[in-house]
Amino acid sequence: MNKKTLLFFLLLPIMVVLFSGCTNKNAGNYQYQVQFLTEEYKPFNYTEDGALTGLAPELLKEICNRLGIPYEVKVLPWAEGFELVQSNENTVLFSTILNTERKDLFKWAGPFASLDWLFYASSQNQVLISSMEDAKLVANIGVIKDYSIEQYLVGEGFTNLVYCENNIDAFNKLLKGEIDLFPSDKITAEAALNALNQSIYDVTDKLTIRTDLVYFAFNKNTPDAVVADFQHEIDALKLNGTLKALYQKFMQSPDAPEILQIYTEQYPPLSYRNSFGQITGFGTDVVNEIMKRNQSFCEIKLSLWSNGYELALNNPNFCLFTMDRTELREELFNWVGPIGTNTTYFYTKAGSGISITTLDEARSLNAIGTVSSWFSDQYLRENGFTNLISDGDPAVMVEKLMSGQIDAAVCTDVTFPDILKASGYQYNEVNPAFVLMSSDYYIAFSKGTSASIVNQWQDALDAAKTDGTYVAIYRKWFP
């Protein structure tokens, strides 16, 4: 071996360290220095055979390659990374959920994943819960400090929380009976259980809590142009199929977030999942017709209204239907519509003897059931009602009304018959005691949605009304 060859092999390890993070010949030429931070959280980001991989790192490699940024990532405990990205101006933390508590702490690029949070229990634990209120009554719920779901549960008034080190520690405690419930998504749960040499069948999901969207979180002092560059590349990788391929590999699902997110709720007959698993309804048909006319199709996802409403407030390029357009909401969203009109009543149980002839009489009732984040709940709170019992699920409100736990329930005439039917009751078992308001309902877009998208949707709806298609859809659902 000659001296030149020997020198080459002596320098090779140094060259690997210097260039292993760079897959683009222009890497290092980007105008802004970026330090990437993450945690061990399979399948989003995790170490395997000494190398960082997962959905987010593999996506980040693609972004760095396209922008000419050195791909170098520091793996830290979540709490440490969360603190650093708030204090160091050139830092980016992933995979980070955008929620109300964090929205103004960072700048955001994404989303590149969605996360469905479920309450898990050991299969040997017979705990029964059907609502968030039930979950508040169990002895112990495991959480991880500063995770978005921990912040959410604290905000919802949970006081039965037990703090765990990480997901593996939490599922270990769950299986040992040290905690009764732990919130997690299915893929992460399976990874943690595998690390414990256990199976996903050793736990049971008891209740869907919420859906969150996952982003790259940038320190607040990061130039807007840098965040825009990342967003542009994420959108491009959505369009060319790269994100979808990575999502199938790591998340075991084809449902990667699209550029526009479209959500609705179980609110028949306007929108609901039928017995075949299809999302349908009057509002759904209108939205599908608009997308067909615009030749731009996105998957419609179903969630609790309170969850969808929060997502629409926080996330750009987000559509939520159907939503009543009220004074309180007017400046919070962009609007396409109207697509219909409904009347909201105070409903009482038939034969209860409860009479409501004025708002003051309604205020004097012991308890009124509302659905959190519905316009009626917001309106009553703005008007000084302190006797409201709220839940994110309208079926819970129905059960409370029919069992006598509340004196009245607030709902619209368009949807209450179907909500009652789904719960096993008939419309003649309630009495529309007093009209609260009449209002138009619309398709709502988040404030961060492109004006061109909103205008295209309004133009398509107007055209459907002009040529008779809208009337045909209306007659199908309201003959």
Protein backbone atom coordinates (compact mmCIF):
# COMPACT_ATOMS: atom_id res chain seq x y z
CA MET A 1 0.00 0.00 0.00
CA ASN A 2 1.54 3.33 -1.05
CA LYS A 3 1.54 6.51 1.03
CA LYS A 4 -1.28 8.13 -0.95
CA THR A 5 -3.48 5.06 -0.51
CA LEU A 6 -2.63 4.89 3.18
CA LEU A 7 -3.43 8.58 3.61
CA PHE A 8 -6.78 8.06 1.86
CA PHE A 9 -7.84 5.30 4.24
CA LEU A 10 -6.66 7.25 7.26
CA LEU A 11 -8.81 10.21 6.20
CA LEU A 12 -11.84 8.12 5.18
CA PRO A 13 -13.50 8.03 8.65
CA ILE A 14 -13.18 11.81 8.90
CA MET A 15 -14.76 12.20 5.48
CA VAL A 16 -17.68 9.94 6.48
CA VAL A 17 -18.34 12.03 9.60
CA LEU A 18 -18.19 15.26 7.65
CA PHE A 19 -20.34 14.22 4.71
CA SER A 20 -22.69 11.49 5.95
CA GLY A 21 -25.34 14.11 6.60
CA CYS A 22 -25.17 15.57 3.12
CA THR A 23 -26.72 13.92 0.08
CA ASN A 24 -26.67 16.99 -2.13
CA LYS A 25 -23.55 18.40 -3.73
CA ASN A 26 -24.79 21.88 -2.72
CA ALA A 27 -25.35 20.92 0.92
CA GLY A 28 -24.03 23.67 3.17
CA ASN A 29 -24.85 26.43 0.67
CA TYR A 30 -28.19 27.33 2.29
CA GLN A 31 -28.28 30.94 3.51
CA TYR A 32 -29.37 30.08 7.07
CA GLN A 33 -27.78 27.73 9.57
CA VAL A 34 -30.25 25.22 11.03
CA GLN A 35 -29.84 22.88 14.00
CA PHE A 36 -32.32 19.98 14.02
CA LEU A 37 -33.50 18.43 17.30
CA THR A 38 -35.62 15.35 17.88
CA GLU A 39 -36.42 12.60 20.39
CA GLU A 40 -36.81 8.82 20.34
CA TYR A 41 -40.46 8.34 19.38
CA LYS A 42 -41.02 5.43 17.04
CA PRO A 43 -42.21 5.43 14.25
CA PHE A 44 -41.77 9.19 13.81
CA ASN A 45 -38.09 9.34 14.80
CA TYR A 46 -35.97 6.57 16.28
CA THR A 47 -32.51 5.00 16.26
CA GLU A 48 -32.01 1.66 14.51
CA ASP A 49 -28.64 -0.02 14.02
CA GLY A 50 -26.95 3.15 15.21
CA ALA A 51 -28.67 5.43 12.68
CA LEU A 52 -31.59 7.82 13.05
CA THR A 53 -34.60 6.88 10.93
CA GLY A 54 -38.38 7.14 10.91
CA LEU A 55 -40.98 9.13 9.01
CA ALA A 56 -39.66 12.59 9.99
CA PRO A 57 -35.89 12.00 9.56
CA GLU A 58 -36.39 10.40 6.14
CA LEU A 59 -38.62 13.27 5.08
CA LEU A 60 -36.10 15.77 6.47
CA LYS A 61 -33.31 14.14 4.43
CA GLU A 62 -35.35 14.82 1.29
CA ILE A 63 -35.94 18.45 2.31
CA CYS A 64 -32.27 19.02 3.14
CA ASN A 65 -31.26 17.45 -0.16
CA ARG A 66 -33.54 19.78 -2.12
CA LEU A 67 -32.53 22.93 -0.19
CA GLY A 68 -28.82 22.20 0.17
CA ILE A 69 -28.83 22.00 3.97
CA PRO A 70 -26.49 19.70 5.92
CA TYR A 71 -28.58 16.93 7.51
CA GLU A 72 -27.39 16.77 11.10
CA VAL A 73 -29.78 15.87 13.92
CA LYS A 74 -29.29 15.88 17.67
CA VAL A 75 -31.39 13.36 19.64
CA LEU A 76 -32.47 14.59 23.09
CA PRO A 77 -35.12 13.85 25.69
CA TRP A 78 -38.32 15.64 24.65
CA ALA A 79 -38.37 18.12 27.55
CA GLU A 80 -34.79 19.21 26.81
CA GLY A 81 -35.41 19.65 23.09
CA PHE A 82 -38.68 21.49 23.77
CA GLU A 83 -36.82 23.97 25.99
CA LEU A 84 -33.89 24.42 23.59
CA VAL A 85 -36.02 25.21 20.55
CA GLN A 86 -37.66 28.03 22.47
CA SER A 87 -34.32 29.61 23.49
CA ASN A 88 -31.96 28.92 20.54
CA GLU A 89 -32.90 30.86 17.44
CA ASN A 90 -31.49 28.52 14.80
CA THR A 91 -33.21 25.37 16.08
CA VAL A 92 -35.97 23.16 14.67
CA LEU A 93 -37.75 20.49 16.74
CA PHE A 94 -39.55 17.48 15.29
CA SER A 95 -41.94 15.70 15.37
CA THR A 96 -44.04 18.41 17.04
CA ILE A 97 -47.81 18.66 17.38
CA LEU A 98 -49.34 22.07 16.71
CA ASN A 99 -51.99 22.88 19.31
CA THR A 100 -53.49 25.89 21.03
CA GLU A 101 -50.88 25.93 23.80
CA ARG A 102 -47.95 25.82 21.36
CA LYS A 103 -49.24 27.75 18.37
CA ASP A 104 -47.63 31.06 19.29
CA LEU A 105 -44.43 29.55 20.71
CA PHE A 106 -43.00 28.56 17.32
CA LYS A 107 -43.20 28.93 13.56
CA TRP A 108 -44.47 25.86 11.74
CA ALA A 109 -43.91 23.83 8.56
CA GLY A 110 -46.17 20.87 7.76
CA PRO A 111 -48.23 18.99 8.54
CA PHE A 112 -46.50 15.76 7.57
CA ALA A 113 -48.47 13.38 9.80
CA SER A 114 -51.66 13.05 11.79
CA LEU A 115 -51.91 11.38 15.17
CA ASP A 116 -55.06 9.76 16.55
CA TRP A 117 -54.87 9.67 20.33
CA LEU A 118 -56.59 6.76 22.09
CA PHE A 119 -56.93 5.82 25.74
CA TYR A 120 -55.34 2.38 26.17
CA ALA A 121 -55.91 0.00 29.08
CA SER A 122 -54.39 -3.37 29.86
CA SER A 123 -56.49 -6.15 28.37
CA GLN A 124 -56.70 -7.55 31.90
CA ASN A 125 -58.19 -4.29 33.20
CA GLN A 126 -61.98 -4.18 32.85
CA VAL A 127 -62.18 -0.38 33.19
CA LEU A 128 -65.18 0.96 31.27
CA ILE A 129 -65.26 4.49 29.84
CA SER A 130 -67.49 6.01 27.17
CA SER A 131 -66.64 9.69 27.56
CA MET A 132 -63.93 12.03 28.78
CA GLU A 133 -65.94 12.58 31.95
CA ASP A 134 -65.73 8.84 32.66
CA ALA A 135 -61.94 8.99 32.15
CA LYS A 136 -61.65 11.71 34.79
CA LEU A 137 -63.04 9.25 37.35
CA VAL A 138 -60.49 6.45 36.94
CA ALA A 139 -57.72 6.25 39.52
CA ASN A 140 -54.58 6.93 37.45
CA ILE A 141 -53.84 8.03 33.87
CA GLY A 142 -50.24 7.97 32.69
CA VAL A 143 -48.83 10.96 30.77
CA ILE A 144 -45.44 12.28 29.64
CA LYS A 145 -44.52 15.83 30.63
CA ASP A 146 -44.85 18.50 27.91
CA TYR A 147 -46.40 16.10 25.39
CA SER A 148 -49.33 17.73 23.61
CA ILE A 149 -51.79 15.18 24.97
CA GLU A 150 -50.61 15.91 28.53
CA GLN A 151 -51.18 19.63 27.92
CA TYR A 152 -54.63 18.86 26.52
CA LEU A 153 -55.71 16.68 29.45
CA VAL A 154 -54.48 19.26 31.97
CA GLY A 155 -56.47 21.91 30.08
CA GLU A 156 -59.55 19.68 30.20
CA GLY A 157 -59.35 19.55 33.98
CA PHE A 158 -57.86 16.08 34.53
CA THR A 159 -56.37 15.77 38.02
CA ASN A 160 -55.68 12.01 38.02
CA LEU A 161 -52.45 12.15 36.00
CA VAL A 162 -49.33 10.11 36.77
CA TYR A 163 -46.10 11.17 35.03
CA CYS A 164 -44.02 8.60 33.15
CA GLU A 165 -40.51 8.85 31.70
CA ASN A 166 -41.41 7.77 28.16
CA ASN A 167 -43.80 5.56 26.19
CA ILE A 168 -42.03 2.32 27.15
CA ASP A 169 -42.14 3.23 30.85
CA ALA A 170 -45.84 4.15 30.50
CA PHE A 171 -46.89 0.88 28.86
CA ASN A 172 -44.83 -1.05 31.39
CA LYS A 173 -46.76 0.69 34.19
CA LEU A 174 -50.02 0.05 32.33
CA LEU A 175 -49.38 -3.71 32.07
CA LYS A 176 -48.30 -3.88 35.73
CA GLY A 177 -51.50 -2.14 36.85
CA GLU A 178 -49.71 0.93 38.20
CA ILE A 179 -51.85 3.13 35.91
CA ASP A 180 -55.31 2.43 34.49
CA LEU A 181 -55.11 4.32 31.17
CA PHE A 182 -52.44 5.75 28.90
CA PRO A 183 -53.06 8.01 25.84
CA SER A 184 -51.17 6.98 22.71
CA ASP A 185 -51.53 6.40 19.00
CA LYS A 186 -51.64 2.78 17.79
CA ILE A 187 -48.29 2.70 15.94
CA THR A 188 -46.39 4.17 18.90
CA ALA A 189 -48.21 1.82 21.29
CA GLU A 190 -47.20 -1.18 19.22
CA ALA A 191 -43.55 -0.05 19.06
CA ALA A 192 -43.40 0.49 22.84
CA LEU A 193 -45.01 -2.88 23.55
CA ASN A 194 -42.61 -4.64 21.18
CA ALA A 195 -39.72 -3.10 23.13
CA LEU A 196 -41.22 -4.74 26.23
CA ASN A 197 -41.57 -8.08 24.39
CA GLN A 198 -45.32 -7.67 24.59
CA SER A 199 -48.05 -7.46 21.95
CA ILE A 200 -50.59 -4.84 20.92
CA TYR A 201 -53.16 -7.45 21.90
CA ASP A 202 -52.08 -7.09 25.51
CA VAL A 203 -53.81 -3.70 25.58
CA THR A 204 -57.25 -2.47 24.49
CA ASP A 205 -58.17 0.95 23.13
CA LYS A 206 -61.06 2.28 25.20
CA LEU A 207 -61.84 5.74 23.79
CA THR A 208 -60.75 8.01 20.95
CA ILE A 209 -59.59 11.28 22.50
CA ARG A 210 -58.64 13.54 19.60
CA THR A 211 -56.63 13.93 16.39
CA ASP A 212 -53.53 16.13 16.16
CA LEU A 213 -51.39 17.23 13.22
CA VAL A 214 -47.60 16.92 13.30
CA TYR A 215 -45.09 19.56 12.11
CA PHE A 216 -41.52 20.81 12.16
CA ALA A 217 -41.44 23.52 14.88
CA PHE A 218 -39.03 26.44 14.30
CA ASN A 219 -37.72 28.87 16.89
CA LYS A 220 -39.79 32.09 16.75
CA ASN A 221 -36.82 34.13 15.51
CA THR A 222 -36.34 31.99 12.40
CA PRO A 223 -36.80 34.13 9.26
CA ASP A 224 -40.19 33.63 7.62
CA ALA A 225 -38.43 32.91 4.32
CA VAL A 226 -36.72 29.85 5.83
CA VAL A 227 -40.00 28.44 7.13
CA ALA A 228 -41.60 29.16 3.75
CA ASP A 229 -38.78 27.24 2.01
CA PHE A 230 -39.47 24.21 4.20
CA GLN A 231 -43.21 24.48 3.63
CA HIS A 232 -42.71 24.69 -0.14
CA GLU A 233 -40.60 21.52 -0.13
CA ILE A 234 -43.05 19.63 2.12
CA ASP A 235 -45.90 20.52 -0.25
CA ALA A 236 -43.79 19.43 -3.24
CA LEU A 237 -43.04 16.10 -1.56
CA LYS A 238 -46.76 15.63 -0.96
CA LEU A 239 -47.53 16.28 -4.61
CA ASN A 240 -44.83 13.97 -6.01
CA GLY A 241 -45.81 11.04 -3.77
CA THR A 242 -42.66 10.96 -1.62
CA LEU A 243 -44.48 11.66 1.65
CA LYS A 244 -47.16 9.07 0.84
CA ALA A 245 -44.51 6.39 0.23
CA LEU A 246 -42.72 7.24 3.50
CA TYR A 247 -46.06 7.28 5.32
CA GLN A 248 -46.94 3.81 4.10
CA LYS A 249 -43.53 2.52 5.14
CA PHE A 250 -43.38 4.00 8.63
CA MET A 251 -47.00 4.65 9.61
CA GLN A 252 -48.47 1.58 7.88
CA SER A 253 -51.17 3.79 6.38
CA PRO A 254 -51.80 5.50 3.02
CA ASP A 255 -53.46 8.49 4.70
CA ALA A 256 -50.67 11.06 4.78
CA PRO A 257 -51.91 14.63 5.29
CA GLU A 258 -52.63 16.47 2.05
CA ILE A 259 -51.97 20.13 1.32
CA LEU A 260 -55.60 20.92 2.27
CA GLN A 261 -57.09 19.13 5.30
CA ILE A 262 -60.88 18.60 5.23
CA TYR A 263 -62.69 17.58 8.40
CA THR A 264 -66.30 17.16 9.46
CA GLU A 265 -68.20 15.65 12.37
CA GLN A 266 -70.82 12.96 13.07
CA TYR A 267 -73.78 15.29 12.56
CA PRO A 268 -76.51 13.53 10.54
CA PRO A 269 -77.99 14.23 8.08
CA LEU A 270 -75.43 16.96 7.24
CA SER A 271 -72.37 14.73 7.69
CA TYR A 272 -71.89 11.28 9.18
CA ARG A 273 -70.31 7.85 8.73
CA ASN A 274 -72.89 5.36 7.46
CA SER A 275 -73.11 1.62 8.16
CA PHE A 276 -70.73 0.93 5.26
CA GLY A 277 -68.03 3.14 6.77
CA GLN A 278 -68.55 5.91 4.19
CA ILE A 279 -68.69 9.58 5.16
CA THR A 280 -71.87 10.94 3.62
CA GLY A 281 -74.67 13.47 4.20
CA PHE A 282 -76.01 16.67 2.68
CA GLY A 283 -72.97 18.79 3.53
CA THR A 284 -70.63 16.01 2.42
CA ASP A 285 -72.35 15.78 -0.98
CA VAL A 286 -72.02 19.54 -1.42
CA VAL A 287 -68.30 19.43 -0.56
CA ASN A 288 -67.69 16.49 -2.91
CA GLU A 289 -69.49 18.33 -5.73
CA ILE A 290 -67.29 21.39 -5.17
CA MET A 291 -64.12 19.27 -5.27
CA LYS A 292 -65.32 17.53 -8.45
CA ARG A 293 -65.90 20.86 -10.19
CA ASN A 294 -62.48 22.13 -9.09
CA GLN A 295 -60.79 18.85 -10.10
CA SER A 296 -59.03 18.84 -6.74
CA PHE A 297 -59.89 15.93 -4.44
CA CYS A 298 -58.94 15.57 -0.77
CA GLU A 299 -59.92 12.95 1.76
CA ILE A 300 -62.67 13.96 4.18
CA LYS A 301 -61.94 12.95 7.78
CA LEU A 302 -64.39 12.61 10.66
CA SER A 303 -63.70 13.85 14.20
CA LEU A 304 -65.46 15.22 17.25
CA TRP A 305 -66.59 18.77 16.60
CA SER A 306 -64.53 20.21 19.46
CA ASN A 307 -61.39 18.59 18.01
CA GLY A 308 -62.11 19.70 14.44
CA TYR A 309 -62.89 23.23 15.60
CA GLU A 310 -59.58 23.52 17.45
CA LEU A 311 -57.70 22.16 14.42
CA ALA A 312 -59.40 24.75 12.21
CA LEU A 313 -58.41 27.54 14.59
CA ASN A 314 -54.76 26.48 14.71
CA ASN A 315 -53.80 24.96 11.37
CA PRO A 316 -53.39 26.65 7.98
CA ASN A 317 -55.06 25.19 4.88
CA PHE A 318 -57.82 23.60 6.92
CA CYS A 319 -61.49 23.15 5.99
CA LEU A 320 -64.28 22.29 8.45
CA PHE A 321 -67.94 21.74 7.60
CA THR A 322 -70.70 22.44 8.30
CA MET A 323 -70.38 25.48 10.59
CA ASP A 324 -72.93 28.10 11.60
CA ARG A 325 -71.68 31.56 10.74
CA THR A 326 -72.13 33.66 13.86
CA GLU A 327 -70.89 37.04 15.04
CA LEU A 328 -68.54 35.33 17.49
CA ARG A 329 -66.92 33.28 14.70
CA GLU A 330 -67.06 35.82 11.88
CA GLU A 331 -63.44 36.97 12.06
CA LEU A 332 -62.03 33.57 13.03
CA PHE A 333 -62.56 31.87 9.67
CA ASN A 334 -63.03 32.38 5.95
CA TRP A 335 -66.45 31.33 4.67
CA VAL A 336 -67.94 29.51 1.68
CA GLY A 337 -71.73 29.37 1.47
CA PRO A 338 -74.31 29.50 2.71
CA ILE A 339 -75.29 25.89 2.13
CA GLY A 340 -78.32 25.77 4.42
CA THR A 341 -80.40 27.19 7.27
CA ASN A 342 -81.43 25.68 10.59
CA THR A 343 -83.28 26.59 13.77
CA THR A 344 -81.85 25.90 17.22
CA TYR A 345 -84.21 24.88 20.02
CA PHE A 346 -84.12 24.17 23.70
CA TYR A 347 -85.43 20.59 23.74
CA THR A 348 -87.03 19.03 26.82
CA LYS A 349 -88.00 15.43 27.44
CA ALA A 350 -91.65 14.80 26.56
CA GLY A 351 -93.79 14.54 29.67
CA SER A 352 -91.20 16.19 31.90
CA GLY A 353 -93.47 19.14 32.60
CA ILE A 354 -90.60 21.57 32.00
CA SER A 355 -91.73 24.74 30.22
CA ILE A 356 -89.47 27.36 28.63
CA THR A 357 -91.00 30.56 27.26
CA THR A 358 -88.09 32.99 27.68
CA LEU A 359 -84.29 32.96 27.89
CA ASP A 360 -84.55 33.95 31.54
CA GLU A 361 -86.58 30.83 32.25
CA ALA A 362 -83.88 28.78 30.52
CA ARG A 363 -81.25 30.43 32.72
CA SER A 364 -83.16 29.35 35.81
CA LEU A 365 -83.08 25.63 34.92
CA ASN A 366 -80.76 23.41 36.93
CA ALA A 367 -78.82 22.08 33.94
CA ILE A 368 -78.81 22.52 30.15
CA GLY A 369 -76.89 20.17 27.88
CA THR A 370 -74.76 21.59 25.07
CA VAL A 371 -72.06 20.29 22.76
CA SER A 372 -68.71 21.99 23.37
CA SER A 373 -67.56 24.30 20.54
CA TRP A 374 -70.99 24.28 18.88
CA PHE A 375 -72.17 27.80 18.15
CA SER A 376 -75.11 27.37 20.57
CA ASP A 377 -72.76 26.57 23.46
CA GLN A 378 -70.61 29.60 22.63
CA TYR A 379 -73.67 31.85 22.28
CA LEU A 380 -75.18 30.83 25.62
CA ARG A 381 -71.89 31.31 27.46
CA GLU A 382 -71.53 34.76 25.89
CA ASN A 383 -75.02 35.55 27.21
CA GLY A 384 -74.26 34.66 30.79
CA PHE A 385 -75.56 31.08 31.06
CA THR A 386 -73.81 29.33 33.94
CA ASN A 387 -75.95 26.17 34.05
CA LEU A 388 -74.44 24.47 30.99
CA ILE A 389 -73.26 20.84 31.00
CA SER A 390 -71.09 20.36 27.91
CA ASP A 391 -69.59 17.37 26.15
CA GLY A 392 -67.88 16.94 22.79
CA ASP A 393 -70.24 14.10 21.80
CA PRO A 394 -73.94 14.97 21.12
CA ALA A 395 -74.92 11.37 21.97
CA VAL A 396 -73.78 12.00 25.55
CA MET A 397 -76.07 15.06 25.68
CA VAL A 398 -79.02 12.93 24.48
CA GLU A 399 -78.46 10.29 27.14
CA LYS A 400 -78.26 12.94 29.85
CA LEU A 401 -81.53 14.47 28.65
CA MET A 402 -83.42 11.19 28.43
CA SER A 403 -82.13 10.00 31.82
CA GLY A 404 -83.11 13.24 33.55
CA GLN A 405 -79.55 14.38 34.31
CA ILE A 406 -80.23 17.66 32.48
CA ASP A 407 -83.48 19.63 32.10
CA ALA A 408 -83.01 20.63 28.46
CA ALA A 409 -80.68 20.06 25.54
CA VAL A 410 -79.76 22.58 22.83
CA CYS A 411 -79.66 21.38 19.23
CA THR A 412 -80.89 22.22 15.72
CA ASP A 413 -84.06 20.92 14.11
CA VAL A 414 -82.05 19.65 11.13
CA THR A 415 -79.87 17.25 13.10
CA PHE A 416 -81.60 16.38 16.39
CA PRO A 417 -84.00 13.77 14.90
CA ASP A 418 -81.05 11.78 13.51
CA ILE A 419 -78.98 12.17 16.69
CA LEU A 420 -81.93 10.84 18.71
CA LYS A 421 -82.46 7.93 16.30
CA ALA A 422 -78.78 6.94 16.49
CA SER A 423 -79.14 6.78 20.29
CA GLY A 424 -82.28 4.63 20.12
CA TYR A 425 -84.92 7.33 20.67
CA GLN A 426 -87.69 8.88 18.59
CA TYR A 427 -88.28 12.57 17.92
CA ASN A 428 -91.72 12.38 19.58
CA GLU A 429 -89.96 11.59 22.87
CA VAL A 430 -88.74 15.20 23.07
CA ASN A 431 -90.39 18.59 22.89
CA PRO A 432 -88.95 21.63 21.01
CA ALA A 433 -89.75 23.94 23.91
CA PHE A 434 -88.23 27.27 22.85
CA VAL A 435 -86.45 28.75 19.83
CA LEU A 436 -82.97 30.00 20.61
CA MET A 437 -82.02 31.24 17.12
CA SER A 438 -82.08 30.64 13.39
CA SER A 439 -78.86 30.74 11.40
CA ASP A 440 -77.17 29.81 8.14
CA TYR A 441 -74.49 27.16 7.99
CA TYR A 442 -71.37 27.31 5.82
CA ILE A 443 -68.11 25.61 4.91
CA ALA A 444 -65.39 27.21 7.05
CA PHE A 445 -61.70 27.61 6.17
CA SER A 446 -58.91 28.49 8.57
CA LYS A 447 -57.45 31.98 8.33
CA GLY A 448 -54.17 30.58 7.01
CA THR A 449 -55.86 29.09 3.94
CA SER A 450 -54.99 30.55 0.55
CA ALA A 451 -57.58 33.07 -0.68
CA SER A 452 -57.48 31.43 -4.11
CA ILE A 453 -58.70 28.13 -2.62
CA VAL A 454 -61.56 29.82 -0.78
CA ASN A 455 -62.58 31.75 -3.90
CA GLN A 456 -62.49 28.61 -6.06
CA TRP A 457 -64.77 26.82 -3.62
CA GLN A 458 -67.24 29.73 -3.49
CA ASP A 459 -67.30 29.96 -7.31
CA ALA A 460 -67.96 26.23 -7.61
CA LEU A 461 -70.79 26.39 -5.05
CA ASP A 462 -72.36 29.37 -6.82
CA ALA A 463 -72.20 27.48 -10.14
CA ALA A 464 -73.88 24.42 -8.55
CA LYS A 465 -76.67 26.65 -7.28
CA THR A 466 -77.10 28.28 -10.69
CA ASP A 467 -77.33 25.04 -12.72
CA GLY A 468 -79.67 23.23 -10.30
CA THR A 469 -77.18 20.71 -8.87
CA TYR A 470 -77.41 22.21 -5.38
CA VAL A 471 -81.22 21.92 -5.39
CA ALA A 472 -80.97 18.27 -6.45
CA ILE A 473 -78.59 17.54 -3.56
CA TYR A 474 -80.91 19.34 -1.13
CA ARG A 475 -83.96 17.37 -2.29
CA LYS A 476 -82.07 14.10 -1.90
CA TRP A 477 -81.54 14.75 1.82
CA PHE A 478 -84.60 16.89 2.61
CA PRO A 479 -87.39 15.56 0.35
